[in-house]
């Protein structure tokens, strides 16, 4: 074996280096200054960052940045063509697509129901691993605003569709989702929040997201991350 490609595991990357194998390590946002991550990132031959260089964190050591390949976001929809985020397509009403993951325990059904109740002029469609979308690309394309957590994969899907969005960080080890929303705020890609809002905040947040539009997602996702 000449090269070991490692999907984020610092321990596996270090094992590869101990065996004398070059490593390509997929990086993650958040605080990676602990001893284990520093050792793995220092030892890696190449770091793969699934975000654009324009959205990179300023506090990364220079030694990491010089060996980083910034791929941009990687989405299953990289080969799809997004509709104009400002084109409402003649649809009546206003639709929210809420996408929440299985690990989103900090935000439950009652929280989403309270947000829905506070915005009666909006139609909410809620999807999760327990209630998956029959056609996620279609539902993304039809949404006026997407509400989702700041997981790397889900943000990539929203970015590929160029949809106006409210992205909310959930607590995770090393604050990776907080790192994502801070990067999103820096480039004004969407409404990016550190916490789940109170119900009375939702009408203004949805209007802000719709006004912002989805065109700024191009700085996050250029469609060839996987390539």
Protein backbone atom coordinates (compact mmCIF):
# COMPACT_ATOMS: atom_id res chain seq x y z
CA UNK A 1 0.00 0.00 0.00
CA UNK A 2 1.38 3.39 -1.04
CA UNK A 3 -1.32 5.76 0.20
CA UNK A 4 -4.00 5.50 2.88
CA UNK A 5 -7.05 7.76 2.47
CA UNK A 6 -8.70 8.31 5.85
CA UNK A 7 -12.21 9.62 6.41
CA UNK A 8 -11.63 11.98 9.38
CA UNK A 9 -10.28 9.41 11.90
CA UNK A 10 -7.17 10.86 13.54
CA UNK A 11 -6.35 7.51 15.12
CA UNK A 12 -6.41 5.60 11.82
CA UNK A 13 -4.35 8.32 10.15
CA UNK A 14 -1.71 8.07 12.87
CA UNK A 15 -1.68 4.27 12.58
CA UNK A 16 -0.98 4.61 8.87
CA UNK A 17 1.93 6.96 9.53
CA UNK A 18 3.35 4.60 12.17
CA UNK A 19 3.32 1.92 9.47
CA UNK A 20 5.23 4.25 7.14
CA UNK A 21 2.32 4.87 4.75
CA UNK A 22 1.53 8.29 3.31
CA UNK A 23 -1.88 9.51 4.47
CA UNK A 24 -4.55 11.66 2.89
CA UNK A 25 -6.80 12.81 5.73
CA UNK A 26 -10.26 14.32 5.34
CA UNK A 27 -10.35 17.36 7.62
CA UNK A 28 -13.21 18.62 9.74
CA UNK A 29 -14.14 22.08 10.95
CA UNK A 30 -14.18 23.02 14.60
CA UNK A 31 -11.52 23.04 17.28
CA UNK A 32 -8.88 20.51 16.19
CA UNK A 33 -6.19 21.82 18.52
CA UNK A 34 -6.19 18.80 20.84
CA UNK A 35 -3.06 16.67 20.89
CA UNK A 36 -4.48 13.79 18.83
CA UNK A 37 -5.85 15.93 16.02
CA UNK A 38 -2.74 18.09 15.89
CA UNK A 39 -0.55 15.00 15.58
CA UNK A 40 -2.71 13.51 12.81
CA UNK A 41 -2.98 16.75 10.84
CA UNK A 42 0.74 17.44 11.25
CA UNK A 43 1.66 13.93 10.07
CA UNK A 44 -0.73 13.80 7.10
CA UNK A 45 0.78 14.10 3.64
CA UNK A 46 -2.33 15.84 2.30
CA UNK A 47 -5.40 17.27 4.03
CA UNK A 48 -8.69 17.25 2.14
CA UNK A 49 -11.02 20.08 3.16
CA UNK A 50 -14.59 19.68 1.84
CA UNK A 51 -15.09 23.43 1.81
CA UNK A 52 -13.79 26.23 -0.40
CA UNK A 53 -10.61 28.14 0.34
CA UNK A 54 -12.68 31.32 0.55
CA UNK A 55 -14.56 29.84 3.52
CA UNK A 56 -11.50 28.41 5.28
CA UNK A 57 -10.87 29.19 8.95
CA UNK A 58 -8.23 31.82 9.61
CA UNK A 59 -6.79 30.06 12.65
CA UNK A 60 -5.44 26.99 10.84
CA UNK A 61 -1.64 26.71 11.11
CA UNK A 62 0.21 27.66 7.94
CA UNK A 63 1.74 24.17 7.81
CA UNK A 64 -1.75 22.69 7.48
CA UNK A 65 -2.98 25.14 4.85
CA UNK A 66 0.01 24.61 2.56
CA UNK A 67 -0.80 20.91 2.20
CA UNK A 68 -4.59 21.27 2.04
CA UNK A 69 -6.69 20.60 -1.04
CA UNK A 70 -9.86 22.71 -0.73
CA UNK A 71 -12.43 20.74 -2.71
CA UNK A 72 -15.50 22.80 -1.95
CA UNK A 73 -18.63 21.11 -0.62
CA UNK A 74 -19.31 17.56 -1.84
CA UNK A 75 -22.96 16.73 -2.54
CA UNK A 76 -24.79 13.78 -4.04
CA UNK A 77 -26.42 16.42 -6.26
CA UNK A 78 -23.20 17.75 -7.78
CA UNK A 79 -24.40 16.79 -11.26
CA UNK A 80 -27.80 18.48 -10.87
CA UNK A 81 -28.64 21.93 -12.15
CA UNK A 82 -30.06 24.25 -9.51
CA UNK A 83 -33.03 26.44 -10.35
CA UNK A 84 -32.77 30.19 -9.90
CA UNK A 85 -33.25 30.71 -6.14
CA UNK A 86 -35.14 33.92 -6.86
CA UNK A 87 -37.54 32.22 -9.26
CA UNK A 88 -40.64 31.25 -7.31
CA UNK A 89 -41.99 29.38 -10.31
CA UNK A 90 -45.51 30.70 -9.82
CA UNK A 91 -46.08 28.60 -6.72
CA UNK A 92 -48.74 29.86 -4.35
CA UNK A 93 -47.95 30.27 -0.70
CA UNK A 94 -44.60 29.93 1.07
CA UNK A 95 -43.00 26.57 1.79
CA UNK A 96 -40.41 25.60 4.39
CA UNK A 97 -38.51 22.33 4.04
CA UNK A 98 -37.17 21.31 7.45
CA UNK A 99 -34.41 18.68 7.31
CA UNK A 100 -33.25 17.21 10.58
CA UNK A 101 -30.89 14.33 11.31
CA UNK A 102 -31.17 11.33 13.61
CA UNK A 103 -28.65 12.84 16.05
CA UNK A 104 -30.56 16.11 16.47
CA UNK A 105 -31.74 15.33 20.00
CA UNK A 106 -31.31 18.91 21.15
CA UNK A 107 -34.12 19.90 18.76
CA UNK A 108 -37.15 17.65 18.77
CA UNK A 109 -40.58 17.42 17.19
CA UNK A 110 -42.06 19.86 19.71
CA UNK A 111 -39.48 22.55 18.81
CA UNK A 112 -40.20 22.26 15.11
CA UNK A 113 -43.96 22.19 15.76
CA UNK A 114 -43.63 25.40 17.80
CA UNK A 115 -41.75 27.08 14.94
CA UNK A 116 -44.46 25.94 12.52
CA UNK A 117 -47.23 27.25 14.78
CA UNK A 118 -45.48 30.63 15.00
CA UNK A 119 -45.44 30.98 11.19
CA UNK A 120 -48.99 30.18 10.05
CA UNK A 121 -48.44 31.88 6.69
CA UNK A 122 -45.81 29.26 5.84
CA UNK A 123 -46.37 25.62 4.90
CA UNK A 124 -43.83 23.35 6.62
CA UNK A 125 -42.66 19.98 5.27
CA UNK A 126 -40.55 18.11 7.82
CA UNK A 127 -38.12 15.36 6.79
CA UNK A 128 -35.83 13.17 8.88
CA UNK A 129 -34.33 9.66 8.72
CA UNK A 130 -37.59 8.47 10.29
CA UNK A 131 -39.66 10.33 7.69
CA UNK A 132 -37.41 10.53 4.62
CA UNK A 133 -38.12 12.53 1.52
CA UNK A 134 -39.40 10.56 -1.48
CA UNK A 135 -37.50 12.97 -3.76
CA UNK A 136 -35.13 15.26 -1.88
CA UNK A 137 -33.93 17.20 -4.91
CA UNK A 138 -37.50 18.02 -5.94
CA UNK A 139 -38.43 19.10 -2.43
CA UNK A 140 -35.29 21.21 -2.12
CA UNK A 141 -36.02 22.86 -5.45
CA UNK A 142 -39.62 23.63 -4.45
CA UNK A 143 -38.76 25.07 -1.02
CA UNK A 144 -38.86 28.82 -0.49
CA UNK A 145 -36.63 28.33 2.57
CA UNK A 146 -34.80 25.29 3.93
CA UNK A 147 -34.31 24.89 7.69
CA UNK A 148 -31.60 22.45 8.68
CA UNK A 149 -28.77 21.63 11.06
CA UNK A 150 -25.16 22.51 10.26
CA UNK A 151 -23.98 19.01 9.45
CA UNK A 152 -21.48 19.08 6.62
CA UNK A 153 -23.43 16.79 4.28
CA UNK A 154 -26.79 18.47 4.71
CA UNK A 155 -25.32 21.93 4.18
CA UNK A 156 -23.73 20.62 0.98
CA UNK A 157 -27.12 19.41 -0.32
CA UNK A 158 -28.74 22.78 0.37
CA UNK A 159 -25.82 24.57 -1.23
CA UNK A 160 -26.06 22.43 -4.37
CA UNK A 161 -29.73 23.39 -4.70
CA UNK A 162 -28.91 27.10 -4.08
CA UNK A 163 -31.85 27.44 -1.69
CA UNK A 164 -32.38 30.23 0.83
CA UNK A 165 -31.80 28.66 4.23
CA UNK A 166 -31.73 28.93 7.99
CA UNK A 167 -28.88 26.73 9.25
CA UNK A 168 -28.71 26.01 12.99
CA UNK A 169 -25.69 24.56 14.77
CA UNK A 170 -26.20 21.57 17.03
CA UNK A 171 -23.78 20.65 19.86
CA UNK A 172 -21.12 18.27 18.58
CA UNK A 173 -17.67 17.19 19.70
CA UNK A 174 -15.03 19.80 18.82
CA UNK A 175 -17.81 22.31 17.93
CA UNK A 176 -17.69 21.35 14.27
CA UNK A 177 -21.21 22.64 13.56
CA UNK A 178 -20.45 25.94 15.28
CA UNK A 179 -17.41 26.20 13.03
CA UNK A 180 -19.65 25.66 10.01
CA UNK A 181 -22.22 28.32 10.93
CA UNK A 182 -19.45 30.84 11.63
CA UNK A 183 -18.00 30.21 8.19
CA UNK A 184 -21.48 30.52 6.65
CA UNK A 185 -21.96 33.87 8.37
CA UNK A 186 -18.60 35.16 7.11
CA UNK A 187 -19.70 34.72 3.50
CA UNK A 188 -23.42 35.51 4.07
CA UNK A 189 -24.44 32.26 2.40
CA UNK A 190 -27.59 31.93 4.52
CA UNK A 191 -29.04 32.79 7.92
CA UNK A 192 -26.62 30.91 10.19
CA UNK A 193 -27.40 30.51 13.89
CA UNK A 194 -25.57 29.15 16.94
CA UNK A 195 -28.76 27.88 18.58
CA UNK A 196 -32.35 26.90 17.83
CA UNK A 197 -34.45 30.10 17.90
CA UNK A 198 -37.44 30.85 20.11
CA UNK A 199 -40.80 30.52 18.32
CA UNK A 200 -41.38 34.27 18.03
CA UNK A 201 -38.09 34.68 16.14
CA UNK A 202 -39.11 32.45 13.26
CA UNK A 203 -41.25 34.84 11.16
CA UNK A 204 -38.37 37.31 10.89
CA UNK A 205 -35.77 34.59 10.27
CA UNK A 206 -37.71 33.03 7.40
CA UNK A 207 -38.25 36.45 5.82
CA UNK A 208 -34.52 37.24 6.22
CA UNK A 209 -33.54 33.98 4.56
CA UNK A 210 -35.90 34.54 1.65
CA UNK A 211 -34.63 38.09 1.17
CA UNK A 212 -31.02 36.90 1.25
CA UNK A 213 -31.72 34.34 -1.47
CA UNK A 214 -29.49 31.44 -2.45
CA UNK A 215 -26.96 32.91 -4.87
CA UNK A 216 -24.20 33.17 -2.25
CA UNK A 217 -24.01 29.38 -2.01
CA UNK A 218 -21.68 29.48 -5.00
CA UNK A 219 -18.81 30.38 -2.66
CA UNK A 220 -19.51 27.17 -0.71
CA UNK A 221 -20.22 24.71 -3.51
CA UNK A 222 -19.03 24.94 -7.11
CA UNK A 223 -20.30 21.55 -8.22
CA UNK A 224 -17.04 19.63 -8.67
CA UNK A 225 -16.05 18.76 -5.09
CA UNK A 226 -16.09 15.03 -5.68
CA UNK A 227 -14.08 15.41 -8.93
